[in-house]
Amino acid sequence: MIHPATVLAIVLMASMTYLTRIAGYLVLRHRTLGTRAITVLEAAPGCVLIAVIAPRFVSNSLADILALLITLVAAIRLPMLATVIIGVVAAGVLRHLLP
């Protein structure tokens, strides 16, 4: 069973990711944006995702470290959605297989 705090954390992170997208649109919808501003707005949801996985870099779990390495390799070669899917699957499988 999923712990209620985990569900709450997932819902809050998803909400914050959505809010970073919609807030930029609402605040800047009547302005013409330069390429630099567009780049910053597109990077914001990725920053939220990084904040979620960053604590795993100091984990003592072999499964977490290996999943991070797999995700980093995927991030070098693949788009974000594919990288997220690979990272989640790698973490799940490795946590199941490794103690």
Protein backbone atom coordinates (compact mmCIF):
# COMPACT_ATOMS: atom_id res chain seq x y z
CA MET A 1 0.00 0.00 0.00
CA ILE A 2 1.23 3.47 -0.83
CA HIS A 3 1.87 5.71 2.15
CA PRO A 4 -0.41 8.79 2.21
CA ALA A 5 2.61 11.10 2.56
CA THR A 6 4.03 9.66 -0.67
CA VAL A 7 0.78 10.32 -2.52
CA LEU A 8 0.69 13.84 -1.11
CA ALA A 9 4.28 14.47 -2.22
CA ILE A 10 3.53 13.23 -5.74
CA VAL A 11 0.42 15.39 -6.01
CA LEU A 12 2.25 18.47 -4.72
CA MET A 13 5.20 17.94 -7.09
CA ALA A 14 2.85 17.47 -10.04
CA SER A 15 0.96 20.61 -9.04
CA MET A 16 4.14 22.65 -8.79
CA THR A 17 5.30 21.39 -12.18
CA TYR A 18 1.98 22.37 -13.70
CA LEU A 19 2.00 25.75 -11.96
CA THR A 20 5.44 26.60 -13.36
CA ARG A 21 4.07 26.08 -16.86
CA ILE A 22 0.75 27.85 -16.44
CA ALA A 23 2.14 30.77 -14.39
CA GLY A 24 4.62 31.65 -17.11
CA TYR A 25 1.84 31.62 -19.68
CA LEU A 26 -0.56 33.70 -17.58
CA VAL A 27 2.00 36.30 -16.54
CA LEU A 28 3.68 36.68 -19.92
CA ARG A 29 0.88 35.95 -22.41
CA HIS A 30 0.75 39.52 -23.78
CA ARG A 31 4.51 39.90 -24.21
CA THR A 32 6.88 38.84 -26.92
CA LEU A 33 9.58 36.67 -25.37
CA GLY A 34 13.16 36.35 -26.47
CA THR A 35 14.84 33.00 -26.93
CA ARG A 36 16.57 33.26 -23.56
CA ALA A 37 13.29 33.78 -21.69
CA ILE A 38 11.67 30.89 -23.54
CA THR A 39 14.59 28.63 -22.63
CA VAL A 40 14.23 29.52 -18.95
CA LEU A 41 10.49 28.83 -18.96
CA GLU A 42 10.99 25.47 -20.65
CA ALA A 43 13.64 24.44 -18.11
CA ALA A 44 11.56 25.11 -14.98
CA PRO A 45 9.67 21.77 -14.87
CA GLY A 46 12.94 19.92 -15.34
CA CYS A 47 14.33 21.75 -12.33
CA VAL A 48 11.47 20.43 -10.22
CA LEU A 49 12.25 16.88 -11.36
CA ILE A 50 15.92 17.31 -10.52
CA ALA A 51 14.97 18.47 -7.03
CA VAL A 52 13.07 15.22 -6.58
CA ILE A 53 15.93 12.91 -7.57
CA ALA A 54 18.88 14.91 -6.19
CA PRO A 55 18.77 13.28 -2.72
CA ARG A 56 19.38 9.89 -4.34
CA PHE A 57 22.89 10.98 -5.31
CA VAL A 58 23.91 10.54 -1.67
CA SER A 59 22.00 7.30 -1.16
CA ASN A 60 23.68 4.21 0.25
CA SER A 61 21.42 1.99 -1.85
CA LEU A 62 23.16 0.23 -4.74
CA ALA A 63 19.85 0.06 -6.62
CA ASP A 64 19.38 3.84 -6.42
CA ILE A 65 22.94 4.59 -7.54
CA LEU A 66 22.68 2.20 -10.50
CA ALA A 67 19.28 3.64 -11.47
CA LEU A 68 20.79 7.13 -11.42
CA LEU A 69 23.63 6.05 -13.67
CA ILE A 70 21.19 4.45 -16.13
CA THR A 71 19.09 7.62 -16.08
CA LEU A 72 22.12 9.84 -16.68
CA VAL A 73 23.16 7.76 -19.70
CA ALA A 74 19.60 7.92 -21.03
CA ALA A 75 19.49 11.70 -20.50
CA ILE A 76 22.56 12.17 -22.68
CA ARG A 77 20.96 10.44 -25.65
CA LEU A 78 17.18 10.62 -25.29
CA PRO A 79 14.43 13.25 -24.83
CA MET A 80 13.13 14.02 -21.35
CA LEU A 81 9.99 11.85 -21.46
CA ALA A 82 11.94 8.76 -22.50
CA THR A 83 14.57 9.51 -19.85
CA VAL A 84 11.94 9.81 -17.10
CA ILE A 85 10.32 6.53 -18.15
CA ILE A 86 13.66 4.72 -18.27
CA GLY A 87 14.64 6.16 -14.88
CA VAL A 88 11.40 5.09 -13.20
CA VAL A 89 11.53 1.60 -14.68
CA ALA A 90 15.22 1.20 -13.81
CA ALA A 91 14.62 2.30 -10.22
CA GLY A 92 11.65 -0.03 -9.82
CA VAL A 93 13.36 -3.07 -11.30
CA LEU A 94 16.66 -2.53 -9.50
CA ARG A 95 14.97 -1.91 -6.14
CA HIS A 96 13.06 -5.15 -6.64
CA LEU A 97 16.14 -7.17 -7.63
CA LEU A 98 18.79 -5.70 -5.32
CA PRO A 99 18.58 -5.54 -1.52
